[in-house]
Amino acid sequence: MTTSALNYKKIDPRTEGIRVSASKADALEYVLFPGFCDVHVHFREPGFSYKETIYAASRAAAAGGYTDVCTMPNLKPVPDSAEHIALQQEIIDRDSVINIHPYASITINQDGTELSDMAALKDKCIAFSDDGKGIQDADLMRQAMTEAKRLGKLIVAHCEVNSLLKGGYIHDGAYAQAHGHKGICSASEYEMIARDVELARETGCGYHVCHISTKESVDIIRRAKAEGVDVTCETAPHYLLMDDSFLQEEGRFKMNPPLRDKSDRDALLAGLLDGTIDMIATDHAPHSAEEKSRGLAGSAFGITGIETAFPLLYTYLVKEGIISLDRLTELMAINPRKRFNIPFTDDYTVFELGGRTKIDSAKFISMGHSTPFDGWEAAARCMKTVCGSHTAYFREENNE
C-alpha cells in the first residue's frame, strides 16, 4: 500500500505485513502517513562520528517515521566546496536508509567572513545555511541572499546576535535567576530575525528561519508574511511541549536556543494554529554521553529528538485537542517538502495510535541518548517506514 494522496489514512496493519494480534489490531488505530520530512538535523558525519553516524542516524530517523531529512553543515570538513560536500555525499550513498539532502555552508568554514562558492555548490545541496552560527555581518548576509536569489536557493538561518549572548547557556528567565545560571536573552534571537527579514525584503531572497523560540520572533515573522516577504520558519518539539519551568540541573535540558518562558511557548503554539510557523523540525543534535554529563553550564548544546517527535506531538498536541492530526501532518510531512522543493513520493510510515509507551532513551537507535523527554508517556509508536523500494524500519509486535 502506498500513499497515493497526501492525506493520512487508517489501515488494517496486517495489509502492511505488520505482525499484530487480531485483538490488538481491532483495539488500536493504525494510520498510514506520508513519510515525514525534517529540514533540520545534525548527523555528524564526516568529522564527528563519535557523536553520531549517518548509518545510525538514518535508521533512527526511519524509526521516527522520517523518509527525508536535511543535514546541517557543521561538519569537518565543512561542506563549503564541491569537493567537501562530495565527501559527505559518499557516506550518505553508502550508509543511509532514507533520503538525505545536505546543506552547504553560506560561508567558508562557517567563519562568517567570506562566502562559499555558492554557484559550484548549488546543484549539490538543498539550501545554504551556517546553522549553529549567526552571520553577524549584515552586508555579508545581503551578499549571500543576493547570490542565493540568483541561484534559486533558500537561505536558512540560525539567528543569534553574538554580542548579546554574554556567556549565557539557558534562557534568561526565572530558573536562571533562581539557580544562579547565566542567561541567554530573547533579543539575541529576534533582533537578528528582524534584520534578516529586512534583507529578505530588499533582495527578494527566499528566507527560512531555524528553530524559533520567542514570542517576538513569532510576531516579526507574522508581520513579514502579511507584508509579502518570502519568509518561512520552523520550531522544534521541545519548544512546543516545554518551557524553562521544566529545567533540571542536567545536560539533557540544554539546547540552543534554550527553553524559553511559558509566554513564549504559548506564542509558538498560537503560531502553529494561525500558520505563522510553517513546519516542525527536530534539530536532532546528538553528542557523546560525556559531553552531555557536565550539567547545564558545562554540557554541549543539543539534544536527540528524531525518534520521539511524532509520538510526543501526537500525544500532547493532537490528543489534547491543541492541533488537529491534519495540521500535524502538514507541519511534519507536507509543508517542509513544499518549501524546500523536496519531491512528494510514495514513501510512507505506519504508526500505531492509542497505546501507551514510555520514552526510553536507552532504547534509541541513535548514538545520542540525551533527551529531556526521558520517561514521558507517548500514545503513538512507529511500526514501519518504507523509503523508495525498501523497508527502512520495521517493528516486531513484541519490540517495545
Protein backbone atom coordinates (compact mmCIF):
# COMPACT_ATOMS: atom_id res chain seq x y z
CA MET A 1 0.00 0.00 0.00
CA THR A 2 1.35 3.39 -0.91
CA THR A 3 0.34 6.98 -0.30
CA SER A 4 -1.47 7.98 -3.44
CA ALA A 5 -2.57 11.20 -1.72
CA LEU A 6 -1.02 13.48 0.84
CA ASN A 7 -3.61 12.74 3.49
CA TYR A 8 -3.02 10.12 6.16
CA LYS A 9 -5.42 7.17 6.25
CA LYS A 10 -6.43 4.41 8.65
CA ILE A 11 -5.42 0.91 7.61
CA ASP A 12 -5.51 -2.68 8.76
CA PRO A 13 -1.89 -3.19 9.81
CA ARG A 14 -1.91 -6.74 8.51
CA THR A 15 -2.19 -5.40 4.97
CA GLU A 16 1.25 -3.90 5.57
CA GLY A 17 2.71 -7.16 6.82
CA ILE A 18 2.82 -5.90 10.42
CA ARG A 19 2.53 -8.84 12.78
CA VAL A 20 -0.07 -7.86 15.36
CA SER A 21 -2.77 -9.94 17.00
CA ALA A 22 -6.34 -9.60 15.80
CA SER A 23 -7.46 -8.20 19.14
CA LYS A 24 -4.72 -5.58 19.13
CA ALA A 25 -5.40 -4.62 15.52
CA ASP A 26 -9.04 -4.06 16.41
CA ALA A 27 -8.37 -2.18 19.66
CA LEU A 28 -5.85 0.37 18.34
CA GLU A 29 -5.68 2.60 15.30
CA TYR A 30 -3.07 2.02 12.63
CA VAL A 31 -2.54 5.01 10.39
CA LEU A 32 -0.51 5.38 7.23
CA PHE A 33 1.14 8.79 6.77
CA PRO A 34 3.35 10.20 4.04
CA GLY A 35 6.95 9.85 5.19
CA PHE A 36 7.87 12.73 7.46
CA CYS A 37 10.41 15.34 6.37
CA ASP A 38 12.81 17.05 8.80
CA VAL A 39 14.65 20.07 7.41
CA HIS A 40 16.97 20.45 10.41
CA VAL A 41 19.12 17.56 11.64
CA HIS A 42 22.74 17.03 12.63
CA PHE A 43 24.01 13.62 11.51
CA ARG A 44 27.65 14.44 12.42
CA GLU A 45 29.46 12.77 9.52
CA PRO A 46 32.02 13.46 8.29
CA GLY A 47 34.12 14.62 11.22
CA PHE A 48 32.26 13.72 14.39
CA SER A 49 31.32 10.06 14.10
CA TYR A 50 31.86 9.54 17.83
CA LYS A 51 28.65 11.54 18.35
CA GLU A 52 26.55 10.02 15.55
CA THR A 53 26.93 8.33 12.18
CA ILE A 54 24.80 8.53 9.07
CA TYR A 55 24.31 4.78 9.39
CA ALA A 56 22.80 5.09 12.89
CA ALA A 57 21.04 8.41 12.38
CA SER A 58 19.26 7.40 9.18
CA ARG A 59 17.91 4.30 10.91
CA ALA A 60 16.84 6.37 13.89
CA ALA A 61 15.07 8.74 11.52
CA ALA A 62 13.25 5.84 9.88
CA ALA A 63 12.20 4.65 13.34
CA GLY A 64 10.68 8.09 13.85
CA GLY A 65 8.73 7.90 10.58
CA TYR A 66 11.06 10.10 8.52
CA THR A 67 11.95 9.36 4.91
CA ASP A 68 13.59 12.72 4.10
CA VAL A 69 15.93 14.86 6.19
CA CYS A 70 18.19 17.85 5.56
CA THR A 71 21.58 17.68 7.28
CA MET A 72 23.23 20.79 8.68
CA PRO A 73 26.77 21.77 7.65
CA ASN A 74 28.63 21.94 10.97
CA LEU A 75 30.87 19.07 9.88
CA LYS A 76 34.58 18.50 9.32
CA PRO A 77 35.32 19.37 6.65
CA VAL A 78 32.55 21.93 6.35
CA PRO A 79 30.63 21.45 3.06
CA ASP A 80 31.81 24.79 1.69
CA SER A 81 33.10 23.45 -1.63
CA ALA A 82 32.08 20.83 -4.19
CA GLU A 83 34.98 18.66 -3.04
CA HIS A 84 33.96 18.79 0.63
CA ILE A 85 30.27 18.12 0.09
CA ALA A 86 31.21 15.15 -2.10
CA LEU A 87 32.81 13.50 0.95
CA GLN A 88 29.53 13.73 2.82
CA GLN A 89 27.53 12.51 -0.17
CA GLU A 90 29.75 9.45 -0.47
CA ILE A 91 28.89 8.42 3.10
CA ILE A 92 25.19 9.12 2.50
CA ASP A 93 25.14 6.99 -0.64
CA ARG A 94 26.86 4.14 1.18
CA ASP A 95 25.15 4.13 4.58
CA SER A 96 21.75 5.83 4.60
CA VAL A 97 18.42 4.00 4.50
CA ILE A 98 16.44 7.21 3.87
CA ASN A 99 16.76 10.27 1.63
CA ILE A 100 19.32 12.74 2.97
CA HIS A 101 19.61 16.24 1.49
CA PRO A 102 22.78 18.04 2.65
CA TYR A 103 23.04 21.76 3.27
CA ALA A 104 26.06 23.66 2.06
CA SER A 105 27.52 26.39 4.22
CA ILE A 106 26.91 30.03 3.45
CA THR A 107 30.46 31.00 4.36
CA ILE A 108 33.83 29.30 4.06
CA ASN A 109 34.40 27.08 7.10
CA GLN A 110 31.31 28.69 8.63
CA ASP A 111 33.58 31.52 9.72
CA GLY A 112 31.13 34.24 8.74
CA THR A 113 33.72 36.25 6.84
CA GLU A 114 33.72 35.10 3.19
CA LEU A 115 31.03 33.47 1.07
CA SER A 116 31.48 29.90 -0.06
CA ASP A 117 31.44 29.15 -3.79
CA MET A 118 27.67 29.03 -3.82
CA ALA A 119 27.39 28.63 -7.59
CA ALA A 120 29.58 25.50 -7.51
CA LEU A 121 27.50 24.07 -4.65
CA LYS A 122 24.05 24.92 -5.99
CA ASP A 123 23.26 21.56 -7.57
CA LYS A 124 24.77 19.55 -4.72
CA CYS A 125 22.84 20.98 -1.76
CA ILE A 126 19.27 21.50 -0.64
CA ALA A 127 19.91 25.08 0.55
CA PHE A 128 22.56 27.27 2.21
CA SER A 129 22.99 27.63 5.97
CA ASP A 130 25.65 28.36 8.58
CA ASP A 131 23.48 26.71 11.22
CA GLY A 132 24.97 26.85 14.69
CA LYS A 133 26.33 30.30 13.92
CA GLY A 134 24.51 33.50 13.13
CA ILE A 135 26.05 35.62 10.38
CA GLN A 136 26.95 38.78 12.26
CA ASP A 137 27.81 40.98 9.25
CA ALA A 138 24.67 42.38 7.63
CA ASP A 139 26.49 43.23 4.41
CA LEU A 140 27.73 39.66 4.10
CA MET A 141 24.22 38.32 4.65
CA ARG A 142 22.94 40.71 1.99
CA GLN A 143 25.54 39.34 -0.43
CA ALA A 144 24.56 35.78 0.46
CA MET A 145 20.88 36.48 -0.10
CA THR A 146 21.56 38.21 -3.39
CA GLU A 147 23.57 35.24 -4.66
CA ALA A 148 21.07 32.69 -3.33
CA LYS A 149 18.27 34.56 -5.08
CA ARG A 150 20.23 34.43 -8.34
CA LEU A 151 20.79 30.71 -7.91
CA GLY A 152 17.21 29.94 -6.89
CA LYS A 153 18.18 28.66 -3.44
CA LEU A 154 16.94 29.35 0.09
CA ILE A 155 19.00 30.98 2.82
CA VAL A 156 18.34 29.08 6.06
CA ALA A 157 19.44 30.99 9.14
CA HIS A 158 20.39 30.27 12.72
CA CYS A 159 19.66 33.68 14.22
CA GLU A 160 21.83 34.74 17.12
CA VAL A 161 23.48 38.08 17.91
CA ASN A 162 26.79 37.13 19.47
CA SER A 163 27.26 40.41 21.34
CA LEU A 164 24.07 39.72 23.32
CA LEU A 165 24.98 36.22 24.48
CA LYS A 166 27.35 37.22 27.31
CA GLY A 167 28.26 33.67 28.18
CA GLY A 168 24.66 32.54 28.67
CA TYR A 169 23.58 28.95 28.28
CA ILE A 170 19.91 28.78 29.35
CA HIS A 171 17.05 31.26 29.00
CA ASP A 172 17.45 34.49 30.92
CA GLY A 173 14.36 33.84 32.99
CA ALA A 174 13.11 32.78 36.38
CA TYR A 175 15.01 29.50 36.54
CA ALA A 176 18.34 31.10 35.64
CA GLN A 177 17.86 33.79 38.25
CA ALA A 178 16.77 31.37 40.96
CA HIS A 179 19.66 28.96 40.38
CA GLY A 180 22.48 31.36 39.56
CA HIS A 181 22.87 30.47 35.88
CA LYS A 182 23.93 32.79 33.07
CA GLY A 183 21.02 33.58 30.80
CA ILE A 184 20.55 34.00 27.05
CA CYS A 185 18.22 36.90 26.33
CA SER A 186 15.40 36.59 23.81
CA ALA A 187 16.69 39.63 21.90
CA SER A 188 19.72 37.63 20.78
CA GLU A 189 17.34 35.66 18.56
CA TYR A 190 14.67 38.09 17.44
CA GLU A 191 16.92 41.06 16.68
CA MET A 192 18.74 39.05 14.02
CA ILE A 193 15.47 37.76 12.61
CA ALA A 194 14.27 41.36 12.30
CA ARG A 195 17.48 42.31 10.48
CA ASP A 196 17.29 39.37 8.10
CA VAL A 197 13.62 39.92 7.31
CA GLU A 198 14.51 43.39 6.04
CA LEU A 199 17.34 41.94 3.95
CA ALA A 200 14.99 39.34 2.51
CA ARG A 201 12.53 42.10 1.68
CA GLU A 202 15.31 44.06 -0.04
CA THR A 203 16.82 41.17 -2.01
CA GLY A 204 13.73 39.08 -2.71
CA CYS A 205 15.55 36.00 -1.46
CA GLY A 206 13.65 33.06 -0.04
CA TYR A 207 14.47 33.08 3.68
CA HIS A 208 13.84 30.35 6.25
CA VAL A 209 14.40 30.81 9.98
CA CYS A 210 15.63 27.88 12.08
CA HIS A 211 14.18 26.77 15.43
CA ILE A 212 12.38 29.92 16.56
CA SER A 213 11.79 30.05 20.32
CA THR A 214 10.50 33.51 21.30
CA LYS A 215 7.19 35.32 21.11
CA GLU A 216 8.89 38.29 19.45
CA SER A 217 10.20 36.03 16.70
CA VAL A 218 6.65 34.82 16.02
CA ASP A 219 5.39 38.40 15.83
CA ILE A 220 8.15 39.54 13.46
CA ILE A 221 7.60 36.64 11.09
CA ARG A 222 3.82 37.01 11.21
CA ARG A 223 4.09 40.67 10.20
CA ALA A 224 6.65 39.95 7.50
CA LYS A 225 4.42 37.33 5.92
CA ALA A 226 1.47 39.70 5.94
CA GLU A 227 3.66 42.24 4.13
CA GLY A 228 4.64 39.76 1.42
CA VAL A 229 8.20 38.91 2.47
CA ASP A 230 9.25 35.44 1.28
CA VAL A 231 9.91 34.06 4.77
CA THR A 232 9.12 30.76 6.45
CA CYS A 233 10.13 29.30 9.79
CA GLU A 234 10.29 26.20 11.91
CA THR A 235 10.18 25.41 15.58
CA ALA A 236 11.03 22.19 17.43
CA PRO A 237 9.01 19.82 19.62
CA HIS A 238 10.79 20.81 22.83
CA TYR A 239 9.82 24.48 22.45
CA LEU A 240 6.18 23.47 21.98
CA LEU A 241 5.98 20.99 24.85
CA MET A 242 8.33 22.56 27.43
CA ASP A 243 9.38 25.89 28.87
CA ASP A 244 12.08 26.88 31.35
CA SER A 245 9.96 25.74 34.28
CA PHE A 246 10.76 22.18 33.14
CA LEU A 247 14.51 22.67 33.55
CA GLN A 248 16.61 20.38 35.71
CA GLU A 249 20.30 20.54 36.54
CA GLU A 250 21.19 18.10 33.77
CA GLY A 251 22.77 18.45 30.34
CA ARG A 252 19.80 16.80 28.66
CA PHE A 253 17.89 20.05 29.17
CA LYS A 254 20.49 22.18 27.37
CA MET A 255 19.92 23.20 23.77
CA ASN A 256 20.32 26.30 21.62
CA PRO A 257 18.06 28.23 21.53
CA PRO A 258 17.18 27.38 25.13
CA LEU A 259 13.79 26.52 26.56
CA ARG A 260 12.09 29.89 26.98
CA ASP A 261 9.29 31.31 29.14
CA LYS A 262 5.75 29.91 29.17
CA SER A 263 4.58 33.04 27.33
CA ASP A 264 6.99 32.17 24.50
CA ARG A 265 5.69 28.62 24.38
CA ASP A 266 2.11 29.91 24.21
CA ALA A 267 3.06 32.23 21.34
CA LEU A 268 4.65 29.35 19.43
CA LEU A 269 1.50 27.28 19.80
CA ALA A 270 -0.54 30.23 18.54
CA GLY A 271 1.84 30.49 15.59
CA LEU A 272 1.19 26.84 14.74
CA LEU A 273 -2.54 27.48 14.70
CA ASP A 274 -2.54 30.62 12.57
CA GLY A 275 0.05 29.44 10.03
CA THR A 276 2.90 31.72 11.08
CA ILE A 277 5.01 28.65 11.85
CA ASP A 278 5.26 26.55 8.72
CA MET A 279 6.84 23.33 9.95
CA ILE A 280 8.22 21.41 12.89
CA ALA A 281 11.86 20.27 12.72
CA THR A 282 13.64 18.28 15.40
CA ASP A 283 17.09 19.92 15.44
CA HIS A 284 18.29 16.38 16.22
CA ALA A 285 21.75 17.10 17.66
CA PRO A 286 23.40 14.07 19.30
CA HIS A 287 26.51 14.28 21.45
CA SER A 288 28.52 11.73 23.39
CA ALA A 289 27.39 10.79 26.88
CA GLU A 290 30.44 12.51 28.34
CA GLU A 291 29.70 15.77 26.52
CA LYS A 292 26.18 15.81 27.99
CA SER A 293 27.21 14.83 31.53
CA ARG A 294 28.51 18.22 32.71
CA GLY A 295 25.28 19.85 33.86
CA LEU A 296 23.63 22.92 32.40
CA ALA A 297 26.74 25.08 32.47
CA GLY A 298 29.28 22.66 31.03
CA SER A 299 27.40 20.33 28.70
CA ALA A 300 27.32 20.71 24.93
CA PHE A 301 24.27 22.35 23.38
CA GLY A 302 21.90 19.92 21.69
CA ILE A 303 19.51 17.03 22.28
CA THR A 304 18.39 13.91 20.45
CA GLY A 305 14.88 14.04 19.05
CA ILE A 306 14.18 12.33 15.76
CA GLU A 307 12.76 9.11 17.21
CA THR A 308 10.37 10.86 19.60
CA ALA A 309 8.99 13.84 17.66
CA PHE A 310 5.77 12.43 16.24
CA PRO A 311 4.85 10.28 19.28
CA LEU A 312 5.22 13.28 21.60
CA LEU A 313 3.50 15.80 19.34
CA TYR A 314 0.61 13.45 18.69
CA THR A 315 0.21 12.70 22.40
CA TYR A 316 0.48 16.23 23.80
CA LEU A 317 -0.85 18.37 20.95
CA VAL A 318 -3.29 16.25 18.93
CA LYS A 319 -4.79 14.14 21.71
CA GLU A 320 -5.03 17.24 23.92
CA GLY A 321 -7.04 18.99 21.20
CA ILE A 322 -4.50 21.76 20.60
CA ILE A 323 -3.97 21.00 16.91
CA SER A 324 -5.56 18.51 14.53
CA LEU A 325 -3.90 15.44 13.07
CA ASP A 326 -4.33 17.06 9.66
CA ARG A 327 -2.32 20.06 10.83
CA LEU A 328 0.42 17.92 12.37
CA THR A 329 0.74 16.02 9.08
CA GLU A 330 1.10 19.32 7.23
CA LEU A 331 3.77 20.51 9.65
CA MET A 332 5.81 17.31 9.56
CA ALA A 333 5.36 15.96 6.04
CA ILE A 334 3.80 18.37 3.59
CA ASN A 335 4.95 21.93 4.26
CA PRO A 336 8.67 21.06 4.56
CA ARG A 337 8.62 19.43 1.12
CA LYS A 338 6.73 22.33 -0.43
CA ARG A 339 9.13 24.95 0.89
CA PHE A 340 12.34 23.05 0.16
CA ASN A 341 11.21 21.59 -3.18
CA ILE A 342 11.64 18.03 -1.95
CA PRO A 343 9.63 15.69 -4.19
CA PHE A 344 6.45 14.07 -2.96
CA THR A 345 6.79 10.32 -3.45
CA ASP A 346 5.04 7.15 -2.34
CA ASP A 347 7.31 6.85 0.71
CA TYR A 348 5.25 6.27 3.84
CA THR A 349 5.23 5.39 7.51
CA VAL A 350 2.72 3.48 9.63
CA PHE A 351 2.05 4.42 13.25
CA GLU A 352 0.10 2.62 15.93
CA LEU A 353 -2.05 5.18 17.74
CA GLY A 354 -3.73 4.87 21.10
CA GLY A 355 -1.44 2.63 23.10
CA ARG A 356 0.81 3.80 25.93
CA THR A 357 4.57 3.52 25.93
CA LYS A 358 7.31 5.40 27.74
CA ILE A 359 10.18 7.27 26.10
CA ASP A 360 13.30 5.30 26.99
CA SER A 361 16.48 6.83 25.66
CA ALA A 362 18.42 3.63 26.39
CA LYS A 363 16.48 2.03 23.53
CA PHE A 364 17.22 4.75 20.96
CA ILE A 365 18.75 3.66 17.67
CA SER A 366 20.57 6.99 17.52
CA MET A 367 24.00 7.07 19.15
CA GLY A 368 22.79 10.12 21.06
CA HIS A 369 20.72 9.36 24.16
CA SER A 370 20.29 12.80 25.69
CA THR A 371 16.64 13.89 25.74
CA PRO A 372 14.60 15.97 28.19
CA PHE A 373 11.64 13.69 27.42
CA ASP A 374 13.05 10.54 29.04
CA GLY A 375 10.23 8.83 30.92
CA TRP A 376 7.41 10.77 29.22
CA GLU A 377 4.43 8.70 28.10
CA ALA A 378 3.55 8.54 24.41
CA ALA A 379 0.39 7.30 22.71
CA ALA A 380 1.98 6.53 19.34
CA ARG A 381 4.78 4.38 18.03
CA CYS A 382 6.20 3.74 14.60
CA MET A 383 5.55 0.28 13.18
CA LYS A 384 7.01 0.53 9.69
CA THR A 385 8.68 3.05 7.39
CA VAL A 386 9.13 2.49 3.66
CA CYS A 387 11.53 4.63 1.63
CA GLY A 388 11.85 4.00 -2.07
CA SER A 389 11.76 0.30 -2.77
CA HIS A 390 12.84 -0.88 0.67
CA THR A 391 11.60 -1.07 4.24
CA ALA A 392 13.78 1.32 6.21
CA TYR A 393 12.28 0.40 9.59
CA PHE A 394 10.08 -2.41 10.87
CA ARG A 395 8.92 -3.01 14.43
CA GLU A 396 8.06 -6.51 15.58
CA GLU A 397 4.90 -6.74 17.68
CA ASN A 398 6.83 -7.55 20.85
CA ASN A 399 9.59 -4.98 20.21
CA GLU A 400 8.82 -2.36 22.85
